[in-house]
Protein backbone atom coordinates (compact mmCIF):
# COMPACT_ATOMS: atom_id res chain seq x y z
CA MET A 1 0.00 0.00 0.00
CA ASN A 2 1.26 3.48 -0.85
CA PRO A 3 1.64 6.06 1.94
CA LEU A 4 -0.79 8.22 0.01
CA ASN A 5 -3.52 5.90 1.29
CA HIS A 6 -1.96 6.28 4.63
CA PRO A 7 -1.37 3.03 6.40
CA GLY A 8 -1.42 3.66 10.09
CA GLY A 9 -4.84 5.12 10.47
CA ALA A 10 -6.99 2.18 11.42
CA GLN A 11 -5.74 -0.76 13.42
CA ILE A 12 -7.49 -4.13 13.86
CA PRO A 13 -9.11 -3.89 17.31
CA ASP A 14 -8.23 -7.41 18.43
CA THR A 15 -4.58 -7.08 17.57
CA ASP A 16 -3.80 -3.49 18.40
CA ILE A 17 -1.46 -3.65 21.36
CA GLU A 18 -2.48 -0.19 22.54
CA ARG A 19 -6.13 -1.17 22.84
CA GLN A 20 -5.69 -4.25 24.96
CA SER A 21 -6.13 -3.94 28.71
CA GLU A 22 -2.57 -5.13 29.26
CA VAL A 23 0.25 -5.03 26.80
CA LYS A 24 1.97 -8.33 26.24
CA GLN A 25 5.68 -8.64 25.86
CA SER A 26 6.73 -9.11 22.27
CA SER A 27 10.06 -9.36 20.58
CA THR A 28 11.27 -8.64 17.11
CA LYS A 29 14.44 -8.75 15.09
CA LEU A 30 15.30 -5.44 13.49
CA ASP A 31 18.02 -4.34 11.16
CA SER A 32 19.54 -1.23 12.70
CA VAL A 33 20.20 1.98 10.87
CA GLU A 34 23.76 1.01 10.19
CA GLY A 35 22.89 -2.54 9.14
CA ASP A 36 23.57 -4.47 12.37
CA SER A 37 20.94 -6.95 13.53
CA LEU A 38 19.56 -6.31 16.99
CA ASP A 39 17.18 -8.62 18.83
CA HIS A 40 15.37 -7.24 21.88
CA HIS A 41 11.97 -7.06 23.50
CA ASP A 42 10.23 -4.10 21.95
CA ILE A 43 7.18 -3.42 24.12
CA SER A 44 6.99 -2.90 27.86
CA GLY A 45 3.90 -3.28 30.00
CA THR A 46 1.35 -0.47 30.22
CA PRO A 47 -1.05 -0.03 33.15
CA ALA A 48 -4.71 -0.62 32.33
CA LEU A 49 -6.51 2.64 33.12
CA LEU A 50 -9.60 1.94 31.02
CA LYS A 51 -11.67 -0.93 32.35
CA GLY A 52 -15.18 -2.26 32.07
CA ARG A 53 -17.71 0.04 30.45
CA LEU A 54 -15.13 2.77 29.79
CA ALA A 55 -12.88 0.30 27.96
CA ARG A 56 -15.80 -0.96 25.84
CA TRP A 57 -16.80 2.61 25.01
CA ASN A 58 -13.21 3.36 24.00
CA ASP A 59 -13.21 0.28 21.75
CA ARG A 60 -16.31 1.53 19.97
CA VAL A 61 -14.77 4.97 19.43
CA GLU A 62 -11.51 3.51 18.12
CA GLY A 63 -13.51 1.21 15.87
CA LEU A 64 -14.79 4.20 13.90
CA GLY A 65 -13.69 4.04 10.29
CA GLY A 66 -10.39 5.81 9.69
CA LEU A 67 -9.65 6.57 13.35
CA GLU A 68 -6.06 5.83 14.35
CA ALA A 69 -5.82 3.64 17.41
CA ARG A 70 -2.01 3.55 17.54
CA GLY A 71 -0.25 6.01 19.77
CA ILE A 72 3.49 6.15 20.42
CA THR A 73 4.18 2.41 20.05
CA ARG A 74 6.98 1.90 17.57
CA VAL A 75 6.00 0.86 14.04
CA LEU A 76 7.78 -2.41 13.27
CA PRO A 77 9.35 -3.13 9.88
CA HIS A 78 6.61 -5.58 8.86
CA GLU A 79 3.95 -2.92 9.59
CA LYS A 80 5.46 -0.44 7.17
CA HIS A 81 4.27 0.08 3.61
CA GLU A 82 5.92 0.75 0.29
CA GLY A 83 6.56 4.37 -0.55
CA GLY A 84 8.18 4.98 -3.92
CA MET A 85 8.32 8.39 -5.56
CA MET A 86 4.68 9.06 -4.73
CA GLY A 87 5.65 8.75 -1.09
CA PHE A 88 8.11 11.65 -1.46
CA LEU A 89 5.43 13.66 -3.23
CA GLN A 90 3.19 13.04 -0.22
CA MET A 91 5.94 14.33 2.08
CA PHE A 92 6.15 17.51 0.04
CA SER A 93 2.39 18.06 -0.18
CA LEU A 94 1.96 17.35 3.55
CA TRP A 95 4.28 20.15 4.58
CA PHE A 96 3.23 22.45 1.75
CA SER A 97 -0.35 22.28 3.03
CA ILE A 98 0.78 22.81 6.62
CA GLU A 99 2.81 25.92 5.82
CA ILE A 100 0.68 27.65 3.19
CA VAL A 101 -1.35 29.39 5.86
CA ALA A 102 -2.48 32.98 6.33
CA THR A 103 -0.95 33.27 9.82
CA ASN A 104 2.41 33.54 8.06
CA ILE A 105 1.15 36.85 6.70
CA VAL A 106 1.02 38.17 10.26
CA THR A 107 4.68 37.28 10.76
CA GLY A 108 5.59 39.08 7.55
CA LEU A 109 3.73 42.18 8.74
CA LEU A 110 6.10 42.52 11.69
CA GLY A 111 9.11 43.36 9.51
CA PRO A 112 8.00 46.80 8.26
CA LEU A 113 5.46 47.60 11.00
CA VAL A 114 7.36 46.56 14.13
CA PHE A 115 11.02 46.53 13.11
CA ASN A 116 10.83 49.44 10.62
CA LEU A 117 12.61 47.45 7.93
CA GLY A 118 12.35 48.05 4.19
CA TRP A 119 11.23 45.69 1.46
CA VAL A 120 14.66 44.32 0.51
CA ASP A 121 15.78 43.76 4.11
CA CYS A 122 12.53 41.95 4.98
CA VAL A 123 12.59 39.72 1.92
CA CYS A 124 16.21 38.69 2.59
CA CYS A 125 15.43 37.88 6.23
CA VAL A 126 12.38 35.85 5.18
CA ILE A 127 14.20 33.80 2.54
CA PHE A 128 17.37 32.97 4.45
CA GLY A 129 15.88 32.75 7.95
CA ASN A 130 13.32 30.19 6.85
CA ALA A 131 15.79 28.32 4.65
CA LEU A 132 17.89 27.68 7.75
CA SER A 133 15.07 26.81 10.13
CA SER A 134 13.45 24.41 7.63
CA CYS A 135 16.50 22.18 7.98
CA GLY A 136 15.49 21.18 11.52
CA THR A 137 12.19 19.62 10.44
CA ALA A 138 13.76 17.97 7.40
CA TYR A 139 16.68 16.59 9.41
CA LEU A 140 14.53 14.98 12.08
CA GLY A 141 12.15 13.73 9.40
CA THR A 142 14.87 11.41 8.11
CA PHE A 143 14.72 9.45 11.38
CA GLY A 144 11.04 8.56 11.01
CA PRO A 145 11.23 5.83 8.34
CA GLN A 146 14.37 4.19 9.67
CA SER A 147 13.34 4.09 13.33
CA GLY A 148 9.54 3.75 13.27
CA ASN A 149 9.52 6.07 16.30
CA ARG A 150 7.79 9.41 16.85
CA THR A 151 9.88 12.54 17.28
CA MET A 152 9.55 12.78 21.06
CA ILE A 153 10.47 9.10 21.36
CA LEU A 154 13.57 9.85 19.30
CA SER A 155 14.40 12.55 21.82
CA ARG A 156 14.98 9.78 24.38
CA TYR A 157 17.95 8.58 22.33
CA PHE A 158 19.59 12.00 22.44
CA MET A 159 18.41 13.49 25.74
CA GLY A 160 17.96 10.34 27.82
CA TYR A 161 14.72 8.79 29.09
CA TRP A 162 14.05 11.22 31.95
CA PRO A 163 15.48 14.49 30.55
CA SER A 164 13.48 13.99 27.35
CA LYS A 165 10.29 14.48 29.35
CA LEU A 166 11.29 18.13 29.76
CA ILE A 167 11.35 18.50 25.97
CA CYS A 168 7.94 16.82 25.78
CA CYS A 169 6.45 19.30 28.23
CA VAL A 170 7.79 22.31 26.33
CA ASN A 171 6.69 20.82 23.00
CA ILE A 172 3.17 20.35 24.35
CA LEU A 173 3.06 24.02 25.36
CA ASN A 174 4.44 25.05 21.98
CA GLN A 175 1.97 23.05 19.88
CA VAL A 176 -0.99 24.08 22.03
CA ALA A 177 0.08 27.73 21.72
CA TRP A 178 0.19 27.45 17.94
CA GLY A 179 -3.26 25.85 17.99
CA ILE A 180 -4.49 28.83 19.99
CA ILE A 181 -2.93 31.28 17.52
CA GLY A 182 -4.50 29.47 14.56
CA SER A 183 -7.90 29.43 16.23
CA ILE A 184 -7.72 33.14 17.07
CA PHE A 185 -6.69 34.07 13.54
CA ALA A 186 -9.44 31.97 12.00
CA GLY A 187 -11.95 33.38 14.49
CA GLN A 188 -10.98 36.95 13.64
CA THR A 189 -11.26 36.19 9.95
CA PHE A 190 -14.67 34.52 10.20
CA SER A 191 -15.91 37.44 12.26
CA ALA A 192 -14.56 40.02 9.78
CA VAL A 193 -16.42 38.33 6.92
CA ASN A 194 -19.70 37.88 8.79
CA GLY A 195 -19.65 41.20 10.61
CA ALA A 196 -21.90 41.34 13.64
CA GLY A 197 -23.45 38.00 12.70
CA LEU A 198 -20.53 36.00 14.12
CA SER A 199 -18.35 37.01 17.05
CA ILE A 200 -14.63 36.30 17.20
CA ALA A 201 -15.22 33.95 20.13
CA VAL A 202 -17.61 31.77 18.14
CA GLY A 203 -15.16 31.72 15.23
CA CYS A 204 -12.40 30.57 17.59
CA VAL A 205 -14.58 27.72 18.84
CA ILE A 206 -15.47 26.58 15.32
CA SER A 207 -11.85 26.56 14.12
CA ALA A 208 -10.54 24.81 17.25
CA ILE A 209 -13.16 22.07 16.89
CA CYS A 210 -12.23 21.51 13.23
CA ILE A 211 -8.54 21.29 14.18
CA GLY A 212 -9.31 18.87 17.00
CA VAL A 213 -11.53 16.55 14.93
CA ILE A 214 -8.83 15.93 12.32
CA ALA A 215 -6.23 15.35 15.04
CA ILE A 216 -8.56 12.92 16.82
CA PHE A 217 -9.03 10.77 13.73
CA GLY A 218 -5.28 10.60 13.27
CA ILE A 219 -2.70 10.04 10.62
CA ARG A 220 -4.80 8.57 7.79
CA ILE A 221 -7.34 11.38 7.78
CA LEU A 222 -4.60 13.93 8.41
CA HIS A 223 -2.57 12.76 5.40
CA SER A 224 -5.66 12.63 3.21
CA TYR A 225 -6.72 16.14 4.21
CA GLU A 226 -3.26 17.65 3.82
CA ARG A 227 -2.85 16.06 0.39
CA TYR A 228 -5.47 18.39 -1.09
CA ALA A 229 -5.81 21.25 1.42
CA TRP A 230 -3.22 23.42 -0.32
CA TYR A 231 -5.16 23.68 -3.61
CA PRO A 232 -7.80 26.21 -2.45
CA GLN A 233 -5.20 28.00 -0.33
CA MET A 234 -2.93 28.56 -3.30
CA PHE A 235 -5.85 29.81 -5.37
CA ALA A 236 -6.93 32.30 -2.69
CA PHE A 237 -3.38 33.59 -2.23
CA LEU A 238 -2.90 34.10 -5.97
CA VAL A 239 -6.10 36.13 -6.02
CA LEU A 240 -4.76 38.11 -3.04
CA VAL A 241 -1.56 38.91 -4.94
CA GLY A 242 -3.59 40.25 -7.85
CA SER A 243 -5.90 42.25 -5.59
CA ALA A 244 -3.39 43.69 -3.11
CA GLY A 245 -0.20 43.71 -5.18
CA PRO A 246 -0.74 47.16 -6.77
CA HIS A 247 -0.62 48.72 -3.28
CA PHE A 248 2.76 47.19 -2.34
CA ASN A 249 5.59 49.67 -1.82
CA THR A 250 8.65 47.70 -2.93
CA SER A 251 10.82 50.81 -2.73
CA LEU A 252 10.30 51.13 1.02
CA ALA A 253 13.64 51.58 2.83
CA SER A 254 14.61 50.68 6.39
CA VAL A 255 14.31 53.48 8.93
CA GLY A 256 16.73 54.36 11.75
CA LEU A 257 20.37 54.77 12.62
CA PRO A 258 22.77 52.18 11.14
CA GLY A 259 23.07 50.40 14.47
CA THR A 260 19.32 50.39 14.88
CA ILE A 261 18.75 48.93 11.40
CA THR A 262 21.35 46.23 11.98
CA ALA A 263 19.77 45.22 15.27
CA ASN A 264 16.30 45.17 13.69
CA ARG A 265 17.54 43.02 10.83
CA CYS A 266 18.95 40.53 13.31
CA SER A 267 15.74 40.54 15.31
CA PHE A 268 13.47 40.00 12.31
CA PHE A 269 15.80 37.30 10.97
CA ALA A 270 15.67 35.52 14.33
CA LEU A 271 11.89 35.86 14.38
CA GLN A 272 11.68 34.24 10.94
CA PHE A 273 14.11 31.54 12.05
CA ALA A 274 11.90 30.76 15.05
CA LEU A 275 8.79 30.61 12.86
CA LEU A 276 9.51 27.13 11.51
CA LEU A 277 11.82 25.82 14.20
CA GLY A 278 8.96 24.52 16.33
CA PHE A 279 7.93 22.12 13.57
CA SER A 280 11.18 20.22 14.15
CA ALA A 281 9.42 18.52 17.06
CA LEU A 282 6.96 17.03 14.53
CA GLY A 283 9.52 16.03 11.91
CA ALA A 284 9.38 12.24 12.27
CA ASP A 285 5.78 11.85 13.48
CA PHE A 286 4.24 11.47 10.03
CA TYR A 287 6.91 9.26 8.42
CA VAL A 288 6.90 6.26 10.77
CA TYR A 289 5.02 4.07 8.26
CA TYR A 290 7.48 4.67 5.44
CA PRO A 291 9.83 1.71 4.77
CA THR A 292 13.22 1.63 6.49
CA SER A 293 14.88 1.75 3.07
CA THR A 294 13.43 5.21 2.34
CA SER A 295 16.12 7.55 0.97
CA LYS A 296 17.34 9.99 3.61
CA ARG A 297 18.38 12.55 1.02
CA LEU A 298 15.02 12.55 -0.75
CA THR A 299 13.22 12.61 2.59
CA PHE A 300 15.25 15.65 3.62
CA LEU A 301 14.78 17.48 0.30
CA SER A 302 11.05 16.70 0.05
CA THR A 303 10.45 17.91 3.59
CA TRP A 304 12.73 20.94 3.39
CA SER A 305 11.23 22.21 0.14
CA GLY A 306 7.69 21.51 1.35
CA VAL A 307 8.32 23.58 4.48
CA TRP A 308 10.41 26.41 3.02
CA LEU A 309 8.69 27.26 -0.26
CA PRO A 310 5.16 28.12 0.95
CA THR A 311 6.49 29.85 4.06
CA ILE A 312 8.60 32.37 2.18
CA LEU A 313 5.88 33.02 -0.39
CA ILE A 314 3.27 33.88 2.23
CA ASN A 315 5.69 35.82 4.44
CA ILE A 316 6.79 37.95 1.48
CA LEU A 317 3.12 38.57 0.74
CA GLY A 318 2.73 39.72 4.35
CA VAL A 319 5.71 42.04 3.97
CA GLY A 320 4.15 43.52 0.83
CA ILE A 321 0.86 44.14 2.61
CA ALA A 322 2.71 45.81 5.49
CA THR A 323 4.47 48.20 3.09
CA GLY A 324 1.07 49.27 1.76
CA ILE A 325 -0.66 49.85 5.10
CA PRO A 326 0.74 53.39 5.70
CA THR A 327 -0.38 54.57 2.25
CA THR A 328 -3.72 52.73 2.05
CA PRO A 329 -6.23 54.17 4.55
CA ALA A 330 -8.66 51.25 4.23
CA TRP A 331 -5.90 48.80 5.13
CA SER A 332 -4.70 50.94 8.02
CA ASN A 333 -8.19 51.15 9.50
CA ALA A 334 -8.73 47.40 9.07
CA TYR A 335 -5.37 46.61 10.68
CA ASP A 336 -6.46 48.54 13.77
CA ILE A 337 -9.43 46.15 14.05
CA SER A 338 -7.86 42.73 13.50
CA SER A 339 -5.72 40.68 11.14
CA GLY A 340 -8.85 39.13 9.67
CA ALA A 341 -10.29 42.56 8.88
CA LEU A 342 -7.00 43.46 7.16
CA LEU A 343 -7.22 40.38 4.96
CA LEU A 344 -10.76 41.25 3.97
CA ALA A 345 -9.69 44.80 3.13
CA CYS A 346 -6.95 43.44 0.88
CA TYR A 347 -9.67 41.75 -1.21
CA ASP A 348 -11.57 45.03 -1.42
CA GLY A 349 -13.37 45.41 -4.73
CA LEU A 350 -14.03 41.69 -5.23
CA GLY A 351 -17.29 41.66 -3.29
CA GLY A 352 -18.62 38.29 -2.23
CA PHE A 353 -15.85 36.50 -4.07
CA GLY A 354 -13.30 38.28 -1.90
CA SER A 355 -15.16 37.20 1.22
CA LEU A 356 -15.11 33.62 -0.03
CA CYS A 357 -11.33 33.82 -0.47
CA VAL A 358 -10.94 35.13 3.08
CA ILE A 359 -12.97 32.18 4.42
CA ILE A 360 -10.75 29.79 2.44
CA LEU A 361 -7.66 31.36 4.03
CA ALA A 362 -9.19 31.05 7.48
CA LEU A 363 -9.80 27.34 6.88
CA GLY A 364 -6.08 26.99 6.14
CA CYS A 365 -5.46 27.26 9.89
CA ILE A 366 -6.98 23.79 10.19
CA ALA A 367 -4.32 22.24 7.95
CA ASN A 368 -1.62 24.18 9.77
CA ASN A 369 -2.58 23.32 13.35
CA ALA A 370 -4.14 19.84 13.21
CA PRO A 371 -0.66 18.22 12.97
CA GLY A 372 0.50 20.18 16.03
CA THR A 373 -2.51 19.10 18.06
CA TYR A 374 -1.86 15.52 16.94
CA SER A 375 1.78 15.82 18.02
CA ALA A 376 0.88 17.36 21.39
CA ALA A 377 -1.27 14.30 22.15
CA LEU A 378 1.62 11.99 21.30
CA SER A 379 3.92 14.02 23.54
CA LEU A 380 1.49 13.58 26.42
CA GLN A 381 1.75 9.83 25.93
CA VAL A 382 5.54 10.01 25.96
CA LEU A 383 5.51 11.53 29.45
CA GLY A 384 5.17 8.12 31.08
CA ARG A 385 3.41 4.76 31.39
CA TYR A 386 0.18 6.32 32.59
CA GLY A 387 0.24 8.91 29.83
CA LYS A 388 0.64 6.15 27.29
CA ALA A 389 -2.26 4.22 28.85
CA VAL A 390 -4.65 7.05 27.93
CA PRO A 391 -5.73 6.62 24.27
CA ARG A 392 -4.29 9.09 21.83
CA TRP A 393 -7.69 10.37 20.74
CA MET A 394 -8.59 11.27 24.34
CA TRP A 395 -5.47 13.39 24.64
CA CYS A 396 -6.38 15.09 21.34
CA PHE A 397 -9.81 15.87 22.73
CA LEU A 398 -8.29 17.38 25.88
CA VAL A 399 -5.89 19.53 23.84
CA MET A 400 -8.82 20.71 21.70
CA ILE A 401 -10.74 21.82 24.80
CA ILE A 402 -7.70 23.76 26.06
CA GLU A 403 -7.27 25.45 22.69
CA ILE A 404 -10.95 26.46 22.66
CA ILE A 405 -10.77 28.03 26.12
CA CYS A 406 -7.47 29.85 25.61
CA SER A 407 -8.26 31.12 22.10
CA VAL A 408 -11.52 32.63 23.31
CA ALA A 409 -9.73 34.25 26.25
CA GLY A 410 -6.88 35.66 24.12
CA ARG A 411 -8.84 36.55 20.99
CA ASP A 412 -7.96 40.28 21.18
CA HIS A 413 -4.18 39.86 21.56
CA LEU A 414 -3.01 37.96 18.46
CA VAL A 415 -0.10 40.21 17.46
CA GLU A 416 1.20 40.41 21.04
CA ILE A 417 1.12 36.61 21.27
CA PHE A 418 3.05 36.36 18.00
CA GLU A 419 5.74 38.82 19.10
CA ASN A 420 6.38 37.07 22.39
CA LEU A 421 5.74 33.41 21.49
CA LEU A 422 7.91 32.98 18.41
CA PRO A 423 11.19 33.92 20.14
CA LEU A 424 10.41 31.52 23.00
CA VAL A 425 10.01 28.70 20.47
CA GLY A 426 13.57 29.28 19.31
CA TYR A 427 14.81 29.40 22.89
CA TYR A 428 13.71 25.81 23.62
CA ILE A 429 14.30 24.24 20.21
CA SER A 430 17.78 25.59 19.41
CA PRO A 431 19.76 23.85 22.21
CA TRP A 432 17.72 20.66 21.70
CA LEU A 433 18.58 20.53 17.99
CA THR A 434 22.19 21.33 18.77
CA ILE A 435 22.41 18.35 21.11
CA ILE A 436 20.78 16.04 18.55
CA VAL A 437 23.18 17.04 15.77
CA ILE A 438 26.25 16.63 17.98
CA GLU A 439 25.11 13.28 19.37
CA HIS A 440 24.17 11.89 15.98
CA LEU A 441 27.21 13.03 14.03
CA LEU A 442 29.98 12.74 16.63
CA PHE A 443 28.89 9.71 18.62
CA HIS A 444 27.06 7.64 16.00
CA VAL A 445 27.99 8.54 12.42
CA LEU A 446 31.71 9.12 12.98
CA ARG A 447 32.06 6.18 15.39
CA ARG A 448 29.76 3.96 13.31
CA ILE A 449 27.70 3.10 16.38
CA PRO A 450 24.15 2.08 15.40
CA PHE A 451 21.02 3.13 17.23
CA ASP A 452 19.06 0.34 18.86
CA TRP A 453 15.58 1.46 17.87
CA THR A 454 14.02 -1.42 19.80
CA ALA A 455 15.15 0.22 23.06
CA TRP A 456 12.62 3.02 22.68
CA GLU A 457 10.94 2.27 26.03
CA ASP A 458 13.73 0.55 27.98
CA LYS A 459 15.25 2.94 30.51
CA LYS A 460 18.24 0.64 31.04
CA ARG A 461 19.25 0.69 27.39
CA LEU A 462 18.57 4.34 26.68
CA PRO A 463 21.19 7.05 27.33
CA ILE A 464 21.58 8.40 30.85
CA GLY A 465 21.19 11.95 29.58
CA ILE A 466 23.26 13.86 32.16
CA ALA A 467 25.36 15.59 29.53
CA ALA A 468 22.32 16.45 27.42
CA LEU A 469 20.39 17.82 30.39
CA LEU A 470 23.29 20.00 31.52
CA ALA A 471 23.82 21.28 27.98
CA TYR A 472 20.13 21.99 27.53
CA LEU A 473 19.88 23.89 30.82
CA MET A 474 22.98 25.87 29.97
CA GLY A 475 21.45 26.64 26.60
CA TRP A 476 18.43 28.03 28.42
CA ALA A 477 20.77 30.02 30.66
CA GLY A 478 22.24 31.54 27.51
CA ALA A 479 18.74 32.35 26.33
CA ILE A 480 17.88 34.08 29.60
CA VAL A 481 20.90 36.37 29.63
CA GLY A 482 20.40 37.20 25.95
CA MET A 483 16.61 37.58 26.02
CA TYR A 484 14.94 40.92 25.30
CA GLN A 485 11.16 40.81 25.71
CA HIS A 486 8.56 43.27 26.93
CA TRP A 487 8.43 41.38 30.21
CA TYR A 488 12.18 40.71 30.69
CA HIS A 489 15.48 42.26 29.54
CA GLY A 490 18.53 40.00 29.77
CA PRO A 491 21.84 41.68 30.66
CA VAL A 492 23.64 40.63 27.47
CA ALA A 493 20.74 41.81 25.30
CA VAL A 494 20.56 45.13 27.11
CA LYS A 495 24.30 45.65 26.68
CA ALA A 496 24.12 44.78 22.97
CA GLY A 497 21.12 47.04 22.52
CA ARG A 498 22.76 49.90 24.39
CA ASP A 499 25.87 49.65 22.25
CA ALA A 500 23.73 49.73 19.11
CA ARG A 501 21.58 52.57 20.51
CA GLN A 502 18.47 50.67 19.56
CA VAL A 503 16.78 49.36 22.70
CA PRO A 504 14.14 52.11 22.90
CA GLN A 505 13.17 51.59 19.25
CA VAL A 506 12.95 47.78 19.27
CA SER A 507 9.56 46.32 20.05
CA GLY A 508 8.95 42.73 21.05
CA GLY A 509 11.66 40.83 19.25
CA GLY A 510 14.65 42.61 20.70
CA VAL A 511 18.17 41.34 20.34
CA LEU A 512 17.15 37.81 19.43
CA SER A 513 20.28 37.03 17.48
CA VAL A 514 22.31 37.55 20.65
CA THR A 515 20.10 35.04 22.43
CA GLY A 516 20.50 32.43 19.72
CA GLU A 517 24.27 32.74 19.57
CA VAL A 518 24.67 32.59 23.36
CA GLU A 519 22.34 29.64 23.97
CA VAL A 520 23.69 27.51 21.11
CA GLY A 521 27.25 28.31 22.14
CA PHE A 522 26.53 27.32 25.73
CA ALA A 523 24.89 24.07 24.60
CA ILE A 524 27.78 23.11 22.30
CA ASP A 525 30.46 23.83 24.91
CA VAL A 526 28.76 21.91 27.70
CA TYR A 527 27.58 18.93 25.66
CA ALA A 528 30.86 18.39 23.81
CA ASP A 529 32.77 18.42 27.09
CA THR A 530 30.46 16.14 29.09
CA ALA A 531 29.02 13.69 26.55
CA ALA A 532 32.33 11.98 25.87
CA GLY A 533 32.66 11.14 29.54
CA GLU A 534 29.11 9.85 29.74
CA VAL A 535 29.29 7.60 26.69
CA ASN A 536 31.32 4.99 28.55
CA PHE A 537 28.44 4.50 30.96
CA ASP A 538 25.69 4.81 28.35
CA VAL A 539 24.47 1.32 27.58
CA GLY A 540 21.81 2.51 25.15
CA ILE A 541 24.17 3.33 22.27
């Protein structure tokens, strides 16, 4: 079966190990990444939390057609399906649909409106910042087919069994936050189109429910939806280019002293870099059913291009709209109301057809955030035996309820959430990715030490994680001293800003490049020094 008909969605109830009251021990023989044969028990026991009537009710829910019963249990080689070139096309279309979303317009708006940057500076930051951050998702995506493990399970191999739970917690917060942002944006857009007939709060509830339903049904429905979701989005964006393009001011220059402009360039670049970095924590989640022989290079390229291309197109469109706001009174007035009202104003003159396009763009938030809600549920299962014992769809339902409540509560503060959330994403992801790259390249590729993917739930055979934890905490320490937010000014960031004479002019993003350099540098120094000493005691590699 081709991954386009995606394989892991529905499991046979009587044989699905995650739906039995107790998980039996099973063993399998697996060819490792490097070609060595490893034979170990693959599944550990899981406590039975659902019993009696509740268990029977859960069985009926998971028996619904297309609903994925599997959670974080590793996909074994014999459960995988053939991919071929169509499989790589599915990788591309999956991420293209996820990233071709109108919320990226909001990020593009920040360049000219918040950082006072011109057209050329913004476009360069968008292209190169996202080109770099797309590598994280593509890199981790290559581990999905070969390991059969979800991304947060993979984190156990690099961070250790217990320290990896910290990453899970932060990833849950990150994905839920993005679900909230998507729901707010869609709610604002629905409300702008319908006027007084639909409040922003009701729009938030509708969008969050749509996101949650797709996540609840799981990977088969998610793949099927994402395969086609980008078609109407692309059409609506092309219409937007034709409608709003004449108002773009591509001659707009950056404003401020040279030091101020340099600092603002760095800040906007770092903001763009953080935009896609959070998707690294989802990289392998959707590839676990691809065969172990899947090409790593094609997996990387398909994922990277699928993430990067739509993101830069929509961000540049957002930059263009931002350059036209000062000279287009209708846009300026709409921007003061909400991002959704601004979108509607950009379709001005198209009447009902323009409103239809705005609704299409609002629906794009579903394709963008359903994968994150899906991943957050998996991360909740990774937290421990009891988390795993709760069915994946129940966790998705809980995340959906949280997103509904928080999006309704924060519906009037979308831009502020964007300014303060995106940098924080980079703060937690950057040292984590740094540790993964060092561990993989230095201690596995160069030493030709294979991963034992069957050890995914065995604490005794997974890394201890002391070096990774220390490096990660030091990375966060670097982030704290280099952070410049409305609610906190780190000493290094303040010093850098004072030297550049730009602190009073910078809003929100601040000296983010300083933060990134400091936290990554701290993580590299600590991990490189301590991991070599730990490897002698690490029985998991």
